[in-house]
């Protein structure tokens, strides 16, 4: 391991929801807040399925004009997946991403997600069992997706898929902060939970 811990952040490569001709990508505050929390103590490496520049969801810039938004497992201390609608279309079944999650999980390292990013957990298994099975987790709720009028454009819903895997899906009122830590799994419900996920990840890495 390097002298400074390294956290791997995986971003979507999807830039458009083709069904409704809507730009999408990764959600700025869901990267910015955790980054600001952990970056003083760790190095951050960013990856995406297709490589190159990962598309930023333009709405995440327009909707959140706040200060925080300006601006192989042996090699890393943790792995983190921000949300945005993009992960619903690529990271959910990307074999490299799934293999990474399984490797980090089996190594006992933190696996953190927020909002739509929690969809990356649904296809990851260890010893033939979904890693979310029987675990306390959260992510974008059906109610929140409905309120955004995006349900019909989604191939499935985060809440439904996690519950189908046997997860104990924990939610609070729509768009209120909710961070769930169950062992090495750290999940946040929505953009309001991004800072809390960053703090929980920092704690898991021994920095607060």
N, C-alpha and C. Protein backbone atom coordinates (compact mmCIF):
# COMPACT_ATOMS: atom_id res chain seq x y z
N UNK A 1 0.84 -1.21 0.00
CA UNK A 1 0.00 0.00 0.00
C UNK A 1 0.87 1.25 0.00
N UNK A 2 0.45 2.31 -0.69
CA UNK A 2 1.18 3.56 -0.63
C UNK A 2 1.08 4.16 0.76
N UNK A 3 1.94 5.17 1.06
CA UNK A 3 1.93 5.77 2.38
C UNK A 3 0.62 6.48 2.65
N UNK A 4 -0.02 7.01 1.62
CA UNK A 4 -1.34 7.62 1.74
C UNK A 4 -2.37 6.68 1.17
N UNK A 5 -3.46 6.48 1.89
CA UNK A 5 -4.53 5.61 1.39
C UNK A 5 -5.10 6.17 0.10
N UNK A 6 -5.57 5.28 -0.76
CA UNK A 6 -6.15 5.67 -2.04
C UNK A 6 -7.57 5.12 -2.13
N UNK A 7 -8.51 5.97 -2.49
CA UNK A 7 -9.90 5.57 -2.66
C UNK A 7 -10.24 5.59 -4.15
N UNK A 8 -10.85 4.52 -4.62
CA UNK A 8 -11.27 4.43 -6.02
C UNK A 8 -12.71 4.90 -6.15
N UNK A 9 -12.94 5.90 -6.98
CA UNK A 9 -14.28 6.42 -7.26
C UNK A 9 -14.65 6.00 -8.68
N UNK A 10 -15.77 5.33 -8.83
CA UNK A 10 -16.21 4.84 -10.14
C UNK A 10 -17.41 5.65 -10.61
N UNK A 11 -17.27 6.27 -11.79
CA UNK A 11 -18.31 7.11 -12.37
C UNK A 11 -18.92 6.45 -13.60
N UNK A 12 -20.16 6.78 -13.86
CA UNK A 12 -20.82 6.27 -15.05
C UNK A 12 -20.22 6.86 -16.32
N UNK A 13 -20.37 6.14 -17.44
CA UNK A 13 -19.99 6.65 -18.76
C UNK A 13 -21.21 7.03 -19.59
N UNK A 14 -22.40 6.86 -19.04
CA UNK A 14 -23.64 7.14 -19.79
C UNK A 14 -23.93 8.63 -19.76
N UNK A 15 -24.16 9.21 -20.92
CA UNK A 15 -24.38 10.66 -21.01
C UNK A 15 -25.81 11.03 -21.40
N UNK A 16 -26.64 10.03 -21.74
CA UNK A 16 -28.00 10.34 -22.19
C UNK A 16 -28.94 9.20 -21.87
N UNK A 17 -30.14 9.55 -21.40
CA UNK A 17 -31.22 8.57 -21.29
C UNK A 17 -31.94 8.60 -22.63
N UNK A 18 -31.63 7.65 -23.48
CA UNK A 18 -32.08 7.69 -24.88
C UNK A 18 -33.60 7.68 -24.99
N UNK A 19 -34.25 6.94 -24.12
CA UNK A 19 -35.72 6.80 -24.19
C UNK A 19 -36.43 8.15 -24.15
N UNK A 20 -35.88 9.10 -23.40
CA UNK A 20 -36.52 10.41 -23.27
C UNK A 20 -35.61 11.54 -23.75
N UNK A 21 -34.52 11.18 -24.43
CA UNK A 21 -33.61 12.18 -24.99
C UNK A 21 -33.17 13.20 -23.94
N UNK A 22 -32.76 12.69 -22.78
CA UNK A 22 -32.41 13.55 -21.65
C UNK A 22 -30.95 13.36 -21.28
N UNK A 23 -30.17 14.44 -21.19
CA UNK A 23 -28.78 14.31 -20.75
C UNK A 23 -28.71 13.76 -19.33
N UNK A 24 -27.72 12.94 -19.07
CA UNK A 24 -27.52 12.42 -17.72
C UNK A 24 -26.03 12.23 -17.50
N UNK A 25 -25.67 11.53 -16.46
CA UNK A 25 -24.27 11.31 -16.13
C UNK A 25 -24.13 11.11 -14.64
N UNK A 26 -22.96 11.46 -14.09
CA UNK A 26 -22.78 11.37 -12.64
C UNK A 26 -23.19 12.68 -12.00
N UNK A 27 -23.60 12.59 -10.73
CA UNK A 27 -24.21 13.73 -10.05
C UNK A 27 -23.17 14.49 -9.23
N UNK A 28 -22.95 15.75 -9.57
CA UNK A 28 -21.86 16.53 -9.02
C UNK A 28 -21.79 16.56 -7.49
N UNK A 29 -22.87 16.93 -6.78
CA UNK A 29 -22.75 17.00 -5.32
C UNK A 29 -22.43 15.65 -4.68
N UNK A 30 -22.84 14.56 -5.33
CA UNK A 30 -22.61 13.23 -4.76
C UNK A 30 -21.16 12.80 -4.89
N UNK A 31 -20.39 13.50 -5.70
CA UNK A 31 -18.95 13.32 -5.76
C UNK A 31 -18.27 14.40 -4.91
N UNK A 32 -18.74 15.65 -5.06
CA UNK A 32 -18.05 16.79 -4.44
C UNK A 32 -18.02 16.71 -2.92
N UNK A 33 -19.16 16.40 -2.30
CA UNK A 33 -19.19 16.38 -0.84
C UNK A 33 -18.27 15.31 -0.25
N UNK A 34 -18.40 14.05 -0.66
CA UNK A 34 -17.47 13.05 -0.12
C UNK A 34 -16.02 13.36 -0.44
N UNK A 35 -15.76 13.88 -1.64
CA UNK A 35 -14.39 14.22 -2.01
C UNK A 35 -13.81 15.25 -1.04
N UNK A 36 -14.60 16.28 -0.75
CA UNK A 36 -14.11 17.32 0.15
C UNK A 36 -13.84 16.79 1.56
N UNK A 37 -14.61 15.77 1.96
CA UNK A 37 -14.42 15.19 3.29
C UNK A 37 -13.17 14.33 3.35
N UNK A 38 -12.97 13.48 2.35
CA UNK A 38 -11.89 12.49 2.45
C UNK A 38 -10.58 12.94 1.83
N UNK A 39 -10.62 13.90 0.90
CA UNK A 39 -9.41 14.23 0.14
C UNK A 39 -8.25 14.78 0.98
N UNK A 40 -8.50 15.43 2.13
CA UNK A 40 -7.34 15.85 2.93
C UNK A 40 -6.49 14.68 3.44
N UNK A 41 -7.10 13.50 3.53
CA UNK A 41 -6.40 12.36 4.11
C UNK A 41 -6.10 11.22 3.14
N UNK A 42 -6.73 11.24 1.98
CA UNK A 42 -6.53 10.16 1.02
C UNK A 42 -6.34 10.73 -0.37
N UNK A 43 -5.75 9.94 -1.25
CA UNK A 43 -5.72 10.27 -2.67
C UNK A 43 -6.93 9.63 -3.33
N UNK A 44 -7.47 10.30 -4.32
CA UNK A 44 -8.67 9.81 -5.02
C UNK A 44 -8.32 9.50 -6.46
N UNK A 45 -8.66 8.29 -6.89
CA UNK A 45 -8.46 7.88 -8.28
C UNK A 45 -9.84 7.65 -8.89
N UNK A 46 -10.08 8.23 -10.05
CA UNK A 46 -11.38 8.14 -10.70
C UNK A 46 -11.30 7.22 -11.91
N UNK A 47 -12.31 6.34 -12.03
CA UNK A 47 -12.40 5.42 -13.18
C UNK A 47 -13.82 5.41 -13.70
N UNK A 48 -13.98 4.93 -14.93
CA UNK A 48 -15.31 4.77 -15.53
C UNK A 48 -15.25 3.62 -16.52
N UNK A 49 -16.40 3.02 -16.85
CA UNK A 49 -16.40 1.85 -17.73
C UNK A 49 -15.71 2.07 -19.07
N UNK A 50 -15.92 3.25 -19.68
CA UNK A 50 -15.37 3.50 -21.01
C UNK A 50 -14.07 4.30 -20.95
N UNK A 51 -13.65 4.72 -19.77
CA UNK A 51 -12.47 5.55 -19.67
C UNK A 51 -12.71 6.95 -20.21
N UNK A 52 -11.68 7.75 -20.22
CA UNK A 52 -11.82 9.11 -20.73
C UNK A 52 -12.62 9.96 -19.77
N UNK A 53 -13.23 11.02 -20.32
CA UNK A 53 -13.99 11.96 -19.50
C UNK A 53 -15.37 11.37 -19.20
N UNK A 54 -15.69 11.22 -17.91
CA UNK A 54 -17.00 10.71 -17.52
C UNK A 54 -18.00 11.86 -17.57
N UNK A 55 -19.19 11.66 -18.16
CA UNK A 55 -20.14 12.77 -18.36
C UNK A 55 -20.77 13.23 -17.05
N UNK A 56 -20.79 14.53 -16.86
CA UNK A 56 -21.41 15.15 -15.70
C UNK A 56 -22.85 15.49 -16.03
N UNK A 57 -23.78 15.09 -15.15
CA UNK A 57 -25.19 15.41 -15.33
C UNK A 57 -25.35 16.93 -15.23
N UNK A 58 -25.80 17.60 -16.31
CA UNK A 58 -25.89 19.06 -16.28
C UNK A 58 -26.86 19.58 -15.22
N UNK A 59 -27.90 18.82 -14.90
CA UNK A 59 -28.85 19.26 -13.89
C UNK A 59 -28.21 19.32 -12.52
N UNK A 60 -27.20 18.50 -12.28
CA UNK A 60 -26.56 18.52 -10.97
C UNK A 60 -25.75 19.79 -10.77
N UNK A 61 -25.39 20.46 -11.86
CA UNK A 61 -24.70 21.75 -11.75
C UNK A 61 -25.73 22.86 -11.58
N UNK A 62 -26.83 22.77 -12.30
CA UNK A 62 -27.87 23.79 -12.24
C UNK A 62 -28.61 23.78 -10.91
N UNK A 63 -28.85 22.60 -10.36
CA UNK A 63 -29.68 22.48 -9.18
C UNK A 63 -28.94 22.72 -7.88
N UNK A 64 -27.62 22.55 -7.87
CA UNK A 64 -26.87 22.63 -6.62
C UNK A 64 -25.71 23.61 -6.77
N UNK A 65 -26.02 24.89 -6.69
CA UNK A 65 -24.97 25.91 -6.73
C UNK A 65 -24.54 26.17 -5.29
N UNK A 66 -23.71 25.28 -4.76
CA UNK A 66 -23.24 25.43 -3.40
C UNK A 66 -21.72 25.26 -3.37
N UNK A 67 -21.06 25.68 -2.28
CA UNK A 67 -19.60 25.68 -2.24
C UNK A 67 -18.97 24.32 -2.49
N UNK A 68 -19.60 23.24 -2.02
CA UNK A 68 -18.98 21.92 -2.15
C UNK A 68 -18.96 21.43 -3.59
N UNK A 69 -19.84 22.01 -4.43
CA UNK A 69 -19.95 21.52 -5.79
C UNK A 69 -19.13 22.34 -6.77
N UNK A 70 -18.35 23.30 -6.31
CA UNK A 70 -17.48 24.06 -7.22
C UNK A 70 -16.15 23.27 -7.32
N UNK A 71 -15.78 23.90 -8.21
CA UNK A 71 -14.48 23.30 -8.30
C UNK A 71 -14.24 21.90 -9.01
N UNK A 72 -7.60 -2.16 -8.48
CA UNK A 72 -7.44 -3.50 -7.99
C UNK A 72 -7.39 -3.43 -6.47
N UNK A 73 -8.13 -4.00 -5.68
CA UNK A 73 -8.39 -3.70 -4.29
C UNK A 73 -7.12 -3.57 -3.48
N UNK A 74 -6.04 -4.29 -3.82
CA UNK A 74 -4.81 -4.19 -3.04
C UNK A 74 -4.22 -2.79 -3.13
N UNK A 75 -4.60 -2.05 -4.17
CA UNK A 75 -4.05 -0.71 -4.38
C UNK A 75 -4.88 0.37 -3.71
N UNK A 76 -6.07 0.02 -3.26
CA UNK A 76 -7.01 1.02 -2.77
C UNK A 76 -7.54 0.65 -1.39
N UNK A 77 -7.92 1.68 -0.64
CA UNK A 77 -8.44 1.47 0.71
C UNK A 77 -9.96 1.30 0.71
N UNK A 78 -10.64 1.81 -0.33
CA UNK A 78 -12.10 1.75 -0.40
C UNK A 78 -12.52 2.02 -1.83
N UNK A 79 -13.80 1.74 -2.11
CA UNK A 79 -14.37 2.04 -3.42
C UNK A 79 -15.68 2.78 -3.19
N UNK A 80 -15.94 3.79 -4.03
CA UNK A 80 -17.11 4.64 -3.86
C UNK A 80 -17.79 4.90 -5.20
N UNK A 81 -19.15 4.81 -5.19
CA UNK A 81 -19.96 5.04 -6.38
C UNK A 81 -20.94 6.19 -6.14
N UNK A 82 -20.70 7.38 -6.73
CA UNK A 82 -21.72 8.43 -6.72
C UNK A 82 -22.91 8.03 -7.58
N UNK A 83 -23.98 8.80 -7.45
CA UNK A 83 -25.18 8.50 -8.22
C UNK A 83 -25.30 9.32 -9.49
N UNK A 84 -26.53 9.75 -9.78
CA UNK A 84 -26.90 10.22 -11.10
C UNK A 84 -27.58 9.05 -11.78
N UNK A 85 -28.40 9.32 -12.79
CA UNK A 85 -29.14 8.23 -13.43
C UNK A 85 -28.25 7.30 -14.26
N UNK A 86 -27.07 7.78 -14.64
CA UNK A 86 -26.20 6.99 -15.50
C UNK A 86 -25.92 5.57 -15.03
N UNK A 87 -25.60 5.35 -13.72
CA UNK A 87 -25.29 3.99 -13.27
C UNK A 87 -26.39 2.98 -13.52
N UNK A 88 -27.63 3.45 -13.65
CA UNK A 88 -28.75 2.54 -13.90
C UNK A 88 -28.62 1.85 -15.25
N UNK A 89 -27.82 2.43 -16.15
CA UNK A 89 -27.72 1.93 -17.52
C UNK A 89 -26.39 1.27 -17.85
N UNK A 90 -25.34 1.54 -17.06
CA UNK A 90 -24.07 0.88 -17.40
C UNK A 90 -23.44 0.16 -16.20
N UNK A 91 -23.25 0.83 -15.09
CA UNK A 91 -22.53 0.21 -13.98
C UNK A 91 -23.29 -0.94 -13.35
N UNK A 92 -24.62 -0.94 -13.45
CA UNK A 92 -25.42 -1.99 -12.83
C UNK A 92 -25.02 -3.38 -13.30
N UNK A 93 -24.65 -3.51 -14.56
CA UNK A 93 -24.28 -4.84 -15.06
C UNK A 93 -22.92 -4.86 -15.75
N UNK A 94 -22.09 -3.86 -15.46
CA UNK A 94 -20.75 -3.83 -16.01
C UNK A 94 -19.90 -4.90 -15.31
N UNK A 95 -19.37 -5.87 -16.05
CA UNK A 95 -18.66 -6.98 -15.40
C UNK A 95 -17.42 -6.55 -14.64
N UNK A 96 -16.70 -5.53 -15.13
CA UNK A 96 -15.51 -5.06 -14.43
C UNK A 96 -15.88 -4.41 -13.11
N UNK A 97 -16.96 -3.61 -13.13
CA UNK A 97 -17.41 -2.97 -11.90
C UNK A 97 -17.88 -4.00 -10.88
N UNK A 98 -18.64 -4.97 -11.33
CA UNK A 98 -19.13 -6.02 -10.43
C UNK A 98 -17.96 -6.78 -9.82
N UNK A 99 -16.96 -7.08 -10.64
CA UNK A 99 -15.79 -7.79 -10.13
C UNK A 99 -15.04 -6.96 -9.09
N UNK A 100 -14.96 -5.65 -9.32
CA UNK A 100 -14.30 -4.77 -8.36
C UNK A 100 -15.03 -4.78 -7.03
N UNK A 101 -16.35 -4.64 -7.08
CA UNK A 101 -17.13 -4.62 -5.84
C UNK A 101 -16.93 -5.92 -5.07
N UNK A 102 -17.00 -7.02 -5.78
CA UNK A 102 -16.81 -8.32 -5.13
C UNK A 102 -15.43 -8.44 -4.51
N UNK A 103 -14.41 -7.93 -5.22
CA UNK A 103 -13.05 -8.01 -4.72
C UNK A 103 -12.86 -7.15 -3.47
N UNK A 104 -13.37 -5.92 -3.50
CA UNK A 104 -13.28 -5.05 -2.33
C UNK A 104 -14.02 -5.66 -1.15
N UNK A 105 -15.20 -6.17 -1.43
CA UNK A 105 -16.02 -6.75 -0.36
C UNK A 105 -15.31 -7.94 0.28
N UNK A 106 -14.79 -8.82 -0.55
CA UNK A 106 -14.11 -10.00 -0.03
C UNK A 106 -12.84 -9.62 0.73
N UNK A 107 -12.24 -8.49 0.38
CA UNK A 107 -11.04 -8.02 1.06
C UNK A 107 -11.36 -7.29 2.36
N UNK A 108 -12.65 -7.13 2.66
CA UNK A 108 -13.06 -6.47 3.89
C UNK A 108 -12.92 -4.96 3.86
N UNK A 109 -12.88 -4.39 2.65
CA UNK A 109 -12.70 -2.94 2.51
C UNK A 109 -14.05 -2.24 2.30
N UNK A 110 -14.15 -0.96 2.68
CA UNK A 110 -15.42 -0.25 2.53
C UNK A 110 -15.89 -0.17 1.08
N UNK A 111 -17.18 -0.41 0.91
CA UNK A 111 -17.85 -0.24 -0.38
C UNK A 111 -18.95 0.78 -0.14
N UNK A 112 -18.81 1.98 -0.71
CA UNK A 112 -19.72 3.08 -0.44
C UNK A 112 -20.47 3.49 -1.70
N UNK A 113 -21.75 3.82 -1.52
CA UNK A 113 -22.59 4.25 -2.64
C UNK A 113 -23.54 5.33 -2.14
N UNK A 114 -24.10 6.10 -3.07
CA UNK A 114 -25.14 7.04 -2.69
C UNK A 114 -26.15 7.15 -3.83
N UNK A 115 -27.42 7.29 -3.45
CA UNK A 115 -28.52 7.54 -4.38
C UNK A 115 -28.60 6.43 -5.45
N UNK A 116 -28.60 6.79 -6.74
CA UNK A 116 -28.65 5.78 -7.79
C UNK A 116 -27.39 4.92 -7.84
N UNK A 117 -26.33 5.40 -7.22
CA UNK A 117 -25.10 4.62 -7.17
C UNK A 117 -25.29 3.28 -6.48
N UNK A 118 -26.29 3.20 -5.59
CA UNK A 118 -26.52 1.94 -4.86
C UNK A 118 -26.95 0.80 -5.78
N UNK A 119 -27.35 1.13 -7.01
CA UNK A 119 -27.76 0.07 -7.94
C UNK A 119 -26.59 -0.85 -8.27
N UNK A 120 -25.36 -0.39 -8.09
CA UNK A 120 -24.20 -1.22 -8.43
C UNK A 120 -24.08 -2.44 -7.54
N UNK A 121 -24.78 -2.44 -6.42
CA UNK A 121 -24.69 -3.57 -5.49
C UNK A 121 -25.49 -4.78 -5.94
N UNK A 122 -26.48 -4.58 -6.83
CA UNK A 122 -27.49 -5.62 -7.01
C UNK A 122 -26.97 -6.88 -7.72
N UNK A 123 -25.94 -6.76 -8.52
CA UNK A 123 -25.44 -7.95 -9.22
C UNK A 123 -24.17 -8.52 -8.62
N UNK A 124 -23.71 -7.93 -7.53
CA UNK A 124 -22.47 -8.38 -6.89
C UNK A 124 -22.78 -9.51 -5.91
N UNK A 125 -22.02 -10.59 -6.01
CA UNK A 125 -22.22 -11.75 -5.15
C UNK A 125 -20.90 -12.18 -4.53
N UNK A 126 -20.99 -12.79 -3.36
CA UNK A 126 -19.86 -13.45 -2.72
C UNK A 126 -20.34 -14.82 -2.26
N UNK A 127 -19.63 -15.85 -2.68
CA UNK A 127 -20.02 -17.23 -2.36
C UNK A 127 -21.45 -17.54 -2.80
N UNK A 128 -21.83 -17.00 -3.97
CA UNK A 128 -23.13 -17.28 -4.55
C UNK A 128 -24.28 -16.51 -3.94
N UNK A 129 -24.00 -15.61 -2.99
CA UNK A 129 -25.04 -14.84 -2.32
C UNK A 129 -24.87 -13.36 -2.63
N UNK A 130 -25.98 -12.68 -2.94
CA UNK A 130 -25.91 -11.24 -3.17
C UNK A 130 -25.36 -10.55 -1.94
N UNK A 131 -24.44 -9.61 -2.13
CA UNK A 131 -23.83 -8.98 -0.96
C UNK A 131 -24.84 -8.11 -0.20
N UNK A 132 -25.92 -7.68 -0.88
CA UNK A 132 -26.94 -6.89 -0.19
C UNK A 132 -27.94 -7.75 0.57
N UNK A 133 -27.91 -9.05 0.34
CA UNK A 133 -28.89 -9.96 0.97
C UNK A 133 -28.75 -9.92 2.49
N UNK A 134 -29.84 -9.55 3.17
CA UNK A 134 -29.83 -9.51 4.62
C UNK A 134 -29.13 -8.31 5.22
N UNK A 135 -28.67 -7.38 4.39
CA UNK A 135 -27.93 -6.22 4.89
C UNK A 135 -28.83 -4.97 4.90
N UNK A 136 -28.51 -4.07 5.80
CA UNK A 136 -29.20 -2.79 5.87
C UNK A 136 -28.57 -1.85 4.85
N UNK A 137 -29.34 -1.43 3.87
CA UNK A 137 -28.84 -0.55 2.82
C UNK A 137 -29.90 0.47 2.45
N UNK A 138 -29.50 1.47 1.68
CA UNK A 138 -30.45 2.45 1.17
C UNK A 138 -29.98 2.95 -0.18
N UNK A 139 -30.78 3.78 -0.80
CA UNK A 139 -30.50 4.35 -2.11
C UNK A 139 -31.73 5.15 -2.55
N UNK A 140 -31.72 5.62 -3.77
CA UNK A 140 -32.86 6.36 -4.30
C UNK A 140 -34.14 5.54 -4.13
N UNK A 141 -35.15 6.13 -3.47
CA UNK A 141 -36.39 5.41 -3.20
C UNK A 141 -37.35 5.52 -4.38
N UNK A 142 -38.33 4.63 -4.40
CA UNK A 142 -39.36 4.70 -5.44
C UNK A 142 -40.11 6.03 -5.36
N UNK A 143 -40.39 6.48 -4.14
CA UNK A 143 -41.09 7.75 -3.97
C UNK A 143 -40.29 8.91 -4.55
N UNK A 144 -38.99 8.90 -4.31
CA UNK A 144 -38.14 9.97 -4.85
C UNK A 144 -38.08 9.92 -6.37
N UNK A 145 -37.96 8.73 -6.93
CA UNK A 145 -37.93 8.61 -8.39
C UNK A 145 -39.24 9.09 -8.99
N UNK A 146 -40.35 8.72 -8.36
CA UNK A 146 -41.66 9.19 -8.83
C UNK A 146 -41.75 10.71 -8.79
N UNK A 147 -41.23 11.31 -7.72
CA UNK A 147 -41.33 12.76 -7.58
C UNK A 147 -40.53 13.48 -8.65
N UNK A 148 -39.49 12.83 -9.16
CA UNK A 148 -38.69 13.40 -10.25
C UNK A 148 -39.32 13.12 -11.62
N UNK A 149 -40.41 12.36 -11.63
CA UNK A 149 -41.10 11.95 -12.85
C UNK A 149 -40.17 11.21 -13.81
N UNK A 150 -39.33 10.35 -13.21
CA UNK A 150 -38.35 9.60 -13.99
C UNK A 150 -38.59 8.10 -13.95
N UNK A 151 -39.60 7.65 -13.23
CA UNK A 151 -39.82 6.22 -13.05
C UNK A 151 -39.99 5.50 -14.38
N UNK A 152 -40.79 6.07 -15.27
CA UNK A 152 -41.07 5.40 -16.55
C UNK A 152 -39.83 5.31 -17.43
N UNK A 153 -38.85 6.18 -17.21
CA UNK A 153 -37.64 6.18 -18.03
C UNK A 153 -36.57 5.24 -17.50
N UNK A 154 -36.79 4.68 -16.31
CA UNK A 154 -35.79 3.80 -15.72
C UNK A 154 -36.01 2.34 -16.12
N UNK A 155 -34.94 1.59 -16.32
CA UNK A 155 -35.09 0.16 -16.66
C UNK A 155 -35.59 -0.65 -15.46
N UNK A 156 -35.41 -0.14 -14.28
CA UNK A 156 -35.87 -0.74 -13.01
C UNK A 156 -35.64 0.32 -11.95
N UNK A 157 -36.03 0.03 -10.72
CA UNK A 157 -35.88 1.00 -9.63
C UNK A 157 -34.90 0.48 -8.59
N UNK A 158 -34.11 1.38 -8.04
CA UNK A 158 -33.09 1.00 -7.06
C UNK A 158 -33.71 0.26 -5.89
N UNK A 159 -34.75 0.84 -5.32
CA UNK A 159 -35.40 0.23 -4.15
C UNK A 159 -35.91 -1.16 -4.47
N UNK A 160 -36.59 -1.32 -5.61
CA UNK A 160 -37.15 -2.63 -5.99
C UNK A 160 -36.05 -3.67 -6.16
N UNK A 161 -34.97 -3.29 -6.83
CA UNK A 161 -33.91 -4.27 -7.10
C UNK A 161 -33.18 -4.69 -5.83
N UNK A 162 -32.92 -3.75 -4.94
CA UNK A 162 -32.24 -4.10 -3.70
C UNK A 162 -33.12 -5.00 -2.84
N UNK A 163 -34.40 -4.70 -2.79
CA UNK A 163 -35.33 -5.55 -2.02
C UNK A 163 -35.41 -6.95 -2.64
N UNK A 164 -35.37 -7.02 -3.97
CA UNK A 164 -35.43 -8.32 -4.65
C UNK A 164 -34.20 -9.16 -4.32
N UNK A 165 -33.09 -8.50 -4.01
CA UNK A 165 -31.86 -9.21 -3.61
C UNK A 165 -31.89 -9.65 -2.16
N UNK A 166 -32.95 -9.28 -1.45
CA UNK A 166 -33.06 -9.66 -0.05
C UNK A 166 -32.54 -8.62 0.92
N UNK A 167 -32.27 -7.41 0.42
CA UNK A 167 -31.77 -6.35 1.29
C UNK A 167 -32.85 -5.82 2.21
N UNK A 168 -32.45 -5.36 3.38
CA UNK A 168 -33.32 -4.62 4.28
C UNK A 168 -33.19 -3.16 3.90
N UNK A 169 -34.08 -2.69 3.03
CA UNK A 169 -34.00 -1.34 2.46
C UNK A 169 -34.58 -0.35 3.46
N UNK A 170 -33.76 0.60 3.89
CA UNK A 170 -34.16 1.56 4.92
C UNK A 170 -34.29 2.93 4.29
N UNK A 171 -35.47 3.55 4.46
CA UNK A 171 -35.67 4.87 3.88
C UNK A 171 -36.28 5.83 4.89
N UNK A 172 -36.04 7.11 4.65
CA UNK A 172 -36.67 8.16 5.44
C UNK A 172 -37.48 9.02 4.46
N UNK A 173 -38.00 10.13 4.93
CA UNK A 173 -38.80 11.01 4.07
C UNK A 173 -38.00 11.42 2.83
N UNK A 174 -38.72 11.65 1.76
CA UNK A 174 -38.08 11.94 0.47
C UNK A 174 -37.09 13.10 0.57
N UNK A 175 -35.90 12.85 0.04
CA UNK A 175 -34.84 13.84 -0.10
C UNK A 175 -34.33 14.39 1.24
N UNK A 176 -34.52 13.62 2.31
CA UNK A 176 -33.90 13.93 3.60
C UNK A 176 -32.66 13.05 3.77
N UNK A 177 -31.71 13.53 4.53
CA UNK A 177 -30.47 12.78 4.71
C UNK A 177 -30.71 11.43 5.36
N UNK A 178 -30.08 10.41 4.82
CA UNK A 178 -30.18 9.07 5.38
C UNK A 178 -28.93 8.29 4.97
N UNK A 179 -28.09 8.00 5.93
CA UNK A 179 -26.87 7.24 5.69
C UNK A 179 -26.92 5.97 6.52
N UNK A 180 -26.73 4.84 5.87
CA UNK A 180 -26.79 3.54 6.54
C UNK A 180 -25.41 2.89 6.46
N UNK A 181 -24.89 2.51 7.62
CA UNK A 181 -23.62 1.79 7.68
C UNK A 181 -23.90 0.40 8.24
N UNK A 182 -23.62 -0.61 7.44
CA UNK A 182 -23.77 -2.00 7.87
C UNK A 182 -22.46 -2.70 7.57
N UNK A 183 -21.61 -2.77 8.58
CA UNK A 183 -20.29 -3.33 8.35
C UNK A 183 -19.53 -2.47 7.36
N UNK A 184 -19.02 -3.11 6.33
CA UNK A 184 -18.23 -2.36 5.35
C UNK A 184 -19.08 -1.71 4.27
N UNK A 185 -20.40 -1.96 4.26
CA UNK A 185 -21.28 -1.31 3.30
C UNK A 185 -21.74 0.03 3.85
N UNK A 186 -21.51 1.09 3.08
CA UNK A 186 -21.92 2.45 3.44
C UNK A 186 -22.80 2.96 2.30
N UNK A 187 -24.06 3.24 2.60
CA UNK A 187 -24.98 3.67 1.54
C UNK A 187 -25.75 4.92 1.97
N UNK A 188 -26.01 5.79 1.00
CA UNK A 188 -26.78 7.00 1.25
C UNK A 188 -28.00 7.03 0.35
N UNK A 189 -29.08 7.62 0.84
CA UNK A 189 -30.36 7.55 0.14
C UNK A 189 -30.44 8.47 -1.07
N UNK A 190 -29.86 9.66 -1.00
CA UNK A 190 -30.13 10.70 -1.99
C UNK A 190 -29.02 11.75 -1.95
N UNK A 191 -29.09 12.80 -2.78
CA UNK A 191 -28.02 13.80 -2.76
C UNK A 191 -27.79 14.43 -1.39
N UNK A 192 -28.84 14.58 -0.60
CA UNK A 192 -28.70 15.17 0.74
C UNK A 192 -27.85 14.29 1.66
N UNK A 193 -27.63 13.05 1.27
CA UNK A 193 -26.88 12.10 2.09
C UNK A 193 -25.41 12.02 1.71
N UNK A 194 -25.00 12.76 0.68
CA UNK A 194 -23.64 12.62 0.16
C UNK A 194 -22.58 13.01 1.19
N UNK A 195 -22.80 14.12 1.89
CA UNK A 195 -21.82 14.53 2.89
C UNK A 195 -21.70 13.48 3.99
N UNK A 196 -22.85 12.96 4.43
CA UNK A 196 -22.84 11.93 5.47
C UNK A 196 -22.13 10.67 5.04
N UNK A 197 -22.27 10.30 3.76
CA UNK A 197 -21.54 9.14 3.25
C UNK A 197 -20.04 9.41 3.29
N UNK A 198 -19.64 10.63 2.92
CA UNK A 198 -18.24 10.98 2.99
C UNK A 198 -17.69 10.90 4.41
N UNK A 199 -18.46 11.37 5.38
CA UNK A 199 -18.04 11.31 6.77
C UNK A 199 -17.96 9.88 7.26
N UNK A 200 -18.94 9.05 6.86
CA UNK A 200 -18.93 7.64 7.26
C UNK A 200 -17.74 6.91 6.64
N UNK A 201 -17.43 7.25 5.39
CA UNK A 201 -16.29 6.63 4.73
C UNK A 201 -14.98 7.06 5.41
N UNK A 202 -14.88 8.33 5.75
CA UNK A 202 -13.69 8.81 6.46
C UNK A 202 -13.52 8.09 7.79
N UNK A 203 -14.63 7.89 8.49
CA UNK A 203 -14.57 7.16 9.78
C UNK A 203 -14.13 5.74 9.57
N UNK A 204 -14.67 5.09 8.52
CA UNK A 204 -14.29 3.70 8.24
C UNK A 204 -12.80 3.58 7.92
N UNK A 205 -12.24 4.65 7.36
CA UNK A 205 -10.82 4.65 7.02
C UNK A 205 -9.96 5.16 8.17
N UNK A 206 -10.61 5.51 9.28
CA UNK A 206 -9.88 5.91 10.49
C UNK A 206 -9.45 7.35 10.53
N UNK A 207 -10.18 8.23 9.81
CA UNK A 207 -9.77 9.63 9.75
C UNK A 207 -10.66 10.58 10.54
N UNK A 208 -11.69 10.07 11.24
CA UNK A 208 -12.46 10.96 12.12
C UNK A 208 -13.16 10.16 13.19
